[in-house]
Amino acid sequence: MAVKPLYLDFFKFLDRLPEDDPWGIYQHLYLQPHEKIFKAYWETFSHFDLPQITERVRKIKKGDYGLLQSLIQSQNPADLAEEALKRCQLILPLNPQPPVYLFIGFFSADGVTVEVDGVPSIALGLERFKDFQDLPLLVSHEYCHCAQRFLLKDFFPRGERPLFFTVVAEGLSVLFTEAAYPEIPLHRHLFLTPERLRWCRENQQTLLELAGADLAAAKLVPVLFGAGDPNAGLPPRVGYFIARQMLGHCLAHHGAEEFGKAFNGFEQLFRKILQERRIQEGYRAT
């Protein structure tokens, strides 16, 4: 099964949480059975080292996870992830499908792509979710990043990437989720509020000029795709809007066939994107 519900083993650990040191049973029931994904995750993102993890585990209280457990019982995230994979496969088939690891960690990223045994894989940390409304979007967004690693591995440089490559990677993933879920409003594809999207549109020219002037450097990547810069009047995560606009404009200008020559394996996706845009433009015209 492509979806790996690791959270089930975490709850087994909670059910057997001892009064004394829980580290041993945590290792036995949760960490060791899934060692490969956790090792890949921690090595990639360096959120915690093993002593920090041990300290966190020793502070775990079963009651801290009651709301999350109730949420999982009412909205099965494994089923949502399976359905998302089916949508993704219809647009851009990958064989094998990327595994989706659903786990509970400590302030984990909601969705990231990591390599487990050399295979691009999707990892979703569930501990911060208040609902799973956007879980399918996260799966499809990361699915496209996995596709990029499969099909465009020679395109992207290793190590730190200039802003140009981040714009391409994130722009592709946003356009992909729009193709997979055309019924969902744009602000959710961008992981922005409607008000923030409105601000982006009002300041689009300034944002595009800012990014366009610095595409060859990497210094704006954490600003545009992360916390923003309050001193410069830049809100968080506006890079996804910039990437979508830049890449979408290039695709519309060059067309699916020509654009597909630069992004081998993505021509079917580009046709789907352009087709959906024509449909939406037709709706707006009537």
Protein backbone atom coordinates (compact mmCIF):
# COMPACT_ATOMS: atom_id res chain seq x y z
CA MET A 1 0.00 0.00 0.00
CA ALA A 2 1.39 3.41 -1.00
CA VAL A 3 -0.04 5.12 2.10
CA LYS A 4 1.80 4.30 5.33
CA PRO A 5 -0.31 5.18 8.42
CA LEU A 6 2.55 5.35 10.93
CA TYR A 7 0.30 7.24 13.35
CA LEU A 8 -1.43 3.94 14.21
CA ASP A 9 1.78 2.72 15.85
CA PHE A 10 2.15 6.03 17.66
CA PHE A 11 -1.28 5.51 19.24
CA LYS A 12 -0.29 1.96 20.19
CA PHE A 13 2.61 3.54 22.03
CA LEU A 14 0.26 6.00 23.76
CA ASP A 15 -2.00 3.15 24.86
CA ARG A 16 0.98 1.50 26.58
CA LEU A 17 2.57 4.71 27.85
CA PRO A 18 4.36 3.75 31.10
CA GLU A 19 4.45 5.88 34.22
CA ASP A 20 8.24 5.84 34.23
CA ASP A 21 10.59 6.41 31.27
CA PRO A 22 8.66 5.90 27.97
CA TRP A 23 11.72 6.05 25.69
CA GLY A 24 12.24 2.29 25.47
CA ILE A 25 8.68 1.44 24.45
CA TYR A 26 8.62 4.42 22.06
CA GLN A 27 11.65 2.96 20.31
CA HIS A 28 10.18 -0.54 20.26
CA LEU A 29 6.67 0.31 19.01
CA TYR A 30 7.26 3.40 16.87
CA LEU A 31 10.82 4.46 16.15
CA GLN A 32 12.47 1.15 15.23
CA PRO A 33 9.68 -0.20 12.96
CA HIS A 34 9.85 3.04 10.93
CA GLU A 35 13.52 3.84 11.35
CA LYS A 36 14.20 4.43 7.64
CA ILE A 37 11.66 7.22 7.17
CA PHE A 38 12.53 8.95 10.45
CA LYS A 39 16.26 8.77 9.75
CA ALA A 40 15.74 10.20 6.26
CA TYR A 41 13.47 12.92 7.62
CA TRP A 42 15.77 14.01 10.43
CA GLU A 43 18.88 13.92 8.24
CA THR A 44 17.19 16.00 5.56
CA PHE A 45 15.68 18.70 7.74
CA SER A 46 17.80 18.57 10.91
CA HIS A 47 14.86 19.60 13.12
CA PHE A 48 16.04 17.47 16.03
CA ASP A 49 18.90 15.19 16.96
CA LEU A 50 18.36 11.96 18.90
CA PRO A 51 18.98 13.45 22.39
CA GLN A 52 16.34 16.14 21.67
CA ILE A 53 13.88 13.50 20.46
CA THR A 54 14.51 11.47 23.61
CA GLU A 55 13.82 14.51 25.77
CA ARG A 56 10.58 15.25 23.89
CA VAL A 57 9.38 11.66 24.21
CA ARG A 58 9.92 11.72 27.96
CA LYS A 59 7.54 14.70 28.20
CA ILE A 60 4.70 13.06 26.25
CA LYS A 61 1.29 12.98 27.90
CA LYS A 62 -1.51 10.91 26.43
CA GLY A 63 -4.04 13.71 26.92
CA ASP A 64 -2.03 16.01 24.65
CA TYR A 65 -3.09 13.91 21.65
CA GLY A 66 -6.77 13.44 22.46
CA LEU A 67 -8.04 16.03 19.95
CA LEU A 68 -5.81 14.67 17.19
CA GLN A 69 -6.97 11.13 17.88
CA SER A 70 -10.60 12.23 17.68
CA LEU A 71 -9.90 14.06 14.41
CA ILE A 72 -8.28 10.98 12.90
CA GLN A 73 -11.24 8.84 13.95
CA SER A 74 -13.71 11.23 12.28
CA GLN A 75 -11.64 11.98 9.14
CA ASN A 76 -9.41 9.08 8.17
CA PRO A 77 -6.24 10.72 6.77
CA ALA A 78 -5.12 7.49 5.12
CA ASP A 79 -8.32 7.38 3.04
CA LEU A 80 -7.89 11.05 2.08
CA ALA A 81 -4.29 10.41 1.02
CA GLU A 82 -5.29 7.35 -1.04
CA GLU A 83 -7.93 9.37 -2.87
CA ALA A 84 -5.44 12.16 -3.52
CA LEU A 85 -2.95 9.69 -5.02
CA LYS A 86 -5.65 8.42 -7.39
CA ARG A 87 -6.29 11.95 -8.65
CA CYS A 88 -2.57 12.54 -9.06
CA GLN A 89 -2.09 9.32 -11.00
CA LEU A 90 -4.78 10.32 -13.48
CA ILE A 91 -2.88 13.48 -14.39
CA LEU A 92 0.75 12.40 -14.11
CA PRO A 93 1.17 8.63 -13.61
CA LEU A 94 4.25 7.52 -11.67
CA ASN A 95 5.33 3.90 -11.37
CA PRO A 96 5.84 3.12 -8.61
CA GLN A 97 3.66 5.60 -6.79
CA PRO A 98 5.49 7.69 -4.20
CA PRO A 99 4.90 6.34 -0.69
CA VAL A 100 2.97 8.65 1.64
CA TYR A 101 4.10 8.48 5.26
CA LEU A 102 1.54 9.83 7.73
CA PHE A 103 3.26 10.23 11.08
CA ILE A 104 3.14 12.11 14.36
CA GLY A 105 6.34 13.89 15.32
CA PHE A 106 7.30 17.09 17.09
CA PHE A 107 6.53 20.32 15.23
CA SER A 108 7.03 18.47 11.95
CA ALA A 109 6.44 20.11 8.59
CA ASP A 110 2.86 19.58 7.39
CA GLY A 111 4.13 18.21 4.08
CA VAL A 112 7.62 17.57 2.64
CA THR A 113 9.36 15.34 0.12
CA VAL A 114 12.23 13.15 1.35
CA GLU A 115 14.16 10.25 -0.13
CA VAL A 116 13.76 6.91 1.63
CA ASP A 117 16.14 4.26 0.28
CA GLY A 118 16.67 6.50 -2.72
CA VAL A 119 12.92 6.73 -3.47
CA PRO A 120 11.24 10.17 -3.44
CA SER A 121 8.55 9.92 -0.77
CA ILE A 122 5.88 12.14 0.78
CA ALA A 123 6.00 12.75 4.54
CA LEU A 124 3.16 14.47 6.38
CA GLY A 125 3.41 15.30 10.07
CA LEU A 126 -0.10 15.30 11.53
CA GLU A 127 0.42 16.79 14.98
CA ARG A 128 -0.43 20.40 14.02
CA PHE A 129 -3.56 19.71 11.95
CA LYS A 130 -6.83 21.14 13.25
CA ASP A 131 -8.72 19.51 10.35
CA PHE A 132 -7.72 17.57 7.25
CA GLN A 133 -9.38 19.84 4.69
CA ASP A 134 -6.10 20.57 2.92
CA LEU A 135 -4.41 17.21 3.42
CA PRO A 136 -5.26 16.08 -0.17
CA LEU A 137 -3.73 19.32 -1.49
CA LEU A 138 -0.55 18.70 0.49
CA VAL A 139 -0.32 15.16 -0.88
CA SER A 140 -0.80 16.35 -4.46
CA HIS A 141 1.65 19.25 -4.00
CA GLU A 142 4.35 16.89 -2.72
CA TYR A 143 3.42 14.29 -5.37
CA CYS A 144 4.48 16.82 -8.00
CA HIS A 145 7.77 17.37 -6.18
CA CYS A 146 8.30 13.59 -6.28
CA ALA A 147 7.53 13.64 -10.01
CA GLN A 148 10.11 16.38 -10.46
CA ARG A 149 12.71 14.24 -8.71
CA PHE A 150 11.80 11.25 -10.91
CA LEU A 151 11.55 13.06 -14.24
CA LEU A 152 13.67 16.22 -13.86
CA LYS A 153 16.51 15.00 -11.65
CA ASP A 154 19.10 16.33 -14.13
CA PHE A 155 17.39 19.73 -14.34
CA PHE A 156 17.70 20.83 -10.73
CA PRO A 157 21.13 21.55 -9.19
CA ARG A 158 22.24 19.83 -6.01
CA GLY A 159 22.66 21.80 -2.81
CA GLU A 160 21.43 25.37 -2.41
CA ARG A 161 19.25 26.45 -5.32
CA PRO A 162 18.93 29.96 -6.75
CA LEU A 163 15.47 31.48 -6.59
CA PHE A 164 14.87 30.54 -10.25
CA PHE A 165 14.83 26.82 -9.49
CA THR A 166 12.60 27.25 -6.43
CA VAL A 167 10.15 29.25 -8.55
CA VAL A 168 10.09 26.45 -11.13
CA ALA A 169 9.69 23.67 -8.54
CA GLU A 170 6.98 25.37 -6.48
CA GLY A 171 5.22 26.83 -9.51
CA LEU A 172 4.92 23.35 -11.03
CA SER A 173 3.50 21.93 -7.81
CA VAL A 174 0.91 24.71 -7.44
CA LEU A 175 -0.21 24.31 -11.06
CA PHE A 176 -0.37 20.56 -10.51
CA THR A 177 -2.71 20.82 -7.52
CA GLU A 178 -4.92 23.19 -9.50
CA ALA A 179 -5.17 20.56 -12.24
CA ALA A 180 -5.92 17.82 -9.70
CA TYR A 181 -8.47 19.87 -7.73
CA PRO A 182 -9.89 22.55 -10.06
CA GLU A 183 -12.94 22.94 -7.82
CA ILE A 184 -10.88 24.24 -4.89
CA PRO A 185 -10.35 28.05 -4.60
CA LEU A 186 -6.94 29.36 -5.61
CA HIS A 187 -5.99 30.71 -2.19
CA ARG A 188 -5.99 27.18 -0.77
CA HIS A 189 -3.67 25.91 -3.52
CA LEU A 190 -1.28 28.67 -2.47
CA PHE A 191 -1.79 28.00 1.25
CA LEU A 192 -2.81 31.63 1.71
CA THR A 193 -5.89 33.30 3.15
CA PRO A 194 -8.30 34.99 0.70
CA GLU A 195 -7.17 38.36 2.08
CA ARG A 196 -3.49 37.53 1.50
CA LEU A 197 -4.22 36.41 -2.07
CA ARG A 198 -6.05 39.69 -2.67
CA TRP A 199 -2.98 41.56 -1.39
CA CYS A 200 -0.75 39.55 -3.73
CA ARG A 201 -2.91 40.42 -6.71
CA GLU A 202 -2.93 44.10 -5.80
CA ASN A 203 0.87 44.05 -5.53
CA GLN A 204 1.57 41.56 -8.31
CA GLN A 205 3.76 43.80 -10.45
CA THR A 206 5.97 44.76 -7.52
CA LEU A 207 6.31 41.11 -6.41
CA LEU A 208 7.21 39.90 -9.90
CA GLU A 209 9.78 42.64 -10.34
CA LEU A 210 11.30 41.88 -6.93
CA ALA A 211 11.68 38.18 -7.73
CA GLY A 212 12.67 38.72 -11.34
CA ALA A 213 15.59 40.93 -10.38
CA ASP A 214 17.08 38.27 -8.09
CA LEU A 215 16.35 34.93 -9.78
CA ALA A 216 20.02 33.98 -9.99
CA ALA A 217 20.59 34.26 -6.20
CA ALA A 218 19.21 32.28 -3.28
CA LYS A 219 18.85 34.97 -0.60
CA LEU A 220 15.14 35.63 -1.28
CA VAL A 221 14.09 31.97 -1.12
CA PRO A 222 13.55 31.81 2.69
CA VAL A 223 11.90 35.25 2.60
CA LEU A 224 9.41 34.62 -0.21
CA PHE A 225 8.66 30.98 0.61
CA GLY A 226 8.98 31.31 4.35
CA ALA A 227 8.44 33.95 7.00
CA GLY A 228 8.46 37.01 4.74
CA ASP A 229 10.05 40.30 5.79
CA PRO A 230 7.89 42.64 7.93
CA ASN A 231 10.44 45.45 7.60
CA ALA A 232 10.06 45.32 3.81
CA GLY A 233 6.30 44.87 3.96
CA LEU A 234 6.47 41.30 2.65
CA PRO A 235 3.99 38.83 4.21
CA PRO A 236 4.87 35.13 4.62
CA ARG A 237 4.67 32.57 1.79
CA VAL A 238 3.97 34.97 -1.08
CA GLY A 239 6.54 33.08 -3.15
CA TYR A 240 3.95 30.47 -4.10
CA PHE A 241 1.83 33.16 -5.74
CA ILE A 242 4.91 34.57 -7.53
CA ALA A 243 5.96 31.11 -8.74
CA ARG A 244 2.50 30.27 -9.99
CA GLN A 245 2.17 33.55 -11.90
CA MET A 246 5.63 33.35 -13.44
CA LEU A 247 5.42 29.75 -14.55
CA GLY A 248 1.79 30.03 -15.64
CA HIS A 249 2.59 33.03 -17.84
CA CYS A 250 5.49 31.17 -19.49
CA LEU A 251 3.32 28.10 -20.10
CA ALA A 252 0.49 30.14 -21.62
CA HIS A 253 2.97 31.96 -23.87
CA HIS A 254 4.92 28.93 -25.14
CA GLY A 255 2.20 26.24 -25.11
CA ALA A 256 2.20 22.70 -23.73
CA GLU A 257 4.25 21.05 -26.47
CA GLU A 258 7.08 23.59 -26.48
CA PHE A 259 7.10 23.88 -22.69
CA GLY A 260 7.13 20.09 -22.43
CA LYS A 261 10.48 19.97 -24.24
CA ALA A 262 12.08 21.80 -21.31
CA PHE A 263 10.24 19.67 -18.72
CA ASN A 264 10.35 16.14 -20.08
CA GLY A 265 7.39 14.02 -18.97
CA PHE A 266 5.15 16.94 -17.99
CA GLU A 267 3.45 17.67 -21.33
CA GLN A 268 0.24 15.86 -20.33
CA LEU A 269 0.06 18.00 -17.20
CA PHE A 270 0.64 21.20 -19.18
CA ARG A 271 -2.18 20.32 -21.57
CA LYS A 272 -4.48 19.70 -18.61
CA ILE A 273 -3.54 23.06 -17.05
CA LEU A 274 -4.15 25.00 -20.26
CA GLN A 275 -7.42 23.15 -20.88
CA GLU A 276 -8.65 23.96 -17.38
CA ARG A 277 -7.68 27.62 -17.81
CA ARG A 278 -9.64 27.86 -21.05
CA ILE A 279 -12.68 26.34 -19.30
CA GLN A 280 -12.38 28.84 -16.42
CA GLU A 281 -11.99 31.75 -18.84
CA GLY A 282 -15.10 30.53 -20.67
CA TYR A 283 -17.05 30.54 -17.41
CA ARG A 284 -15.94 34.11 -16.66
CA ALA A 285 -16.93 35.25 -20.15
CA THR A 286 -20.52 33.93 -19.89
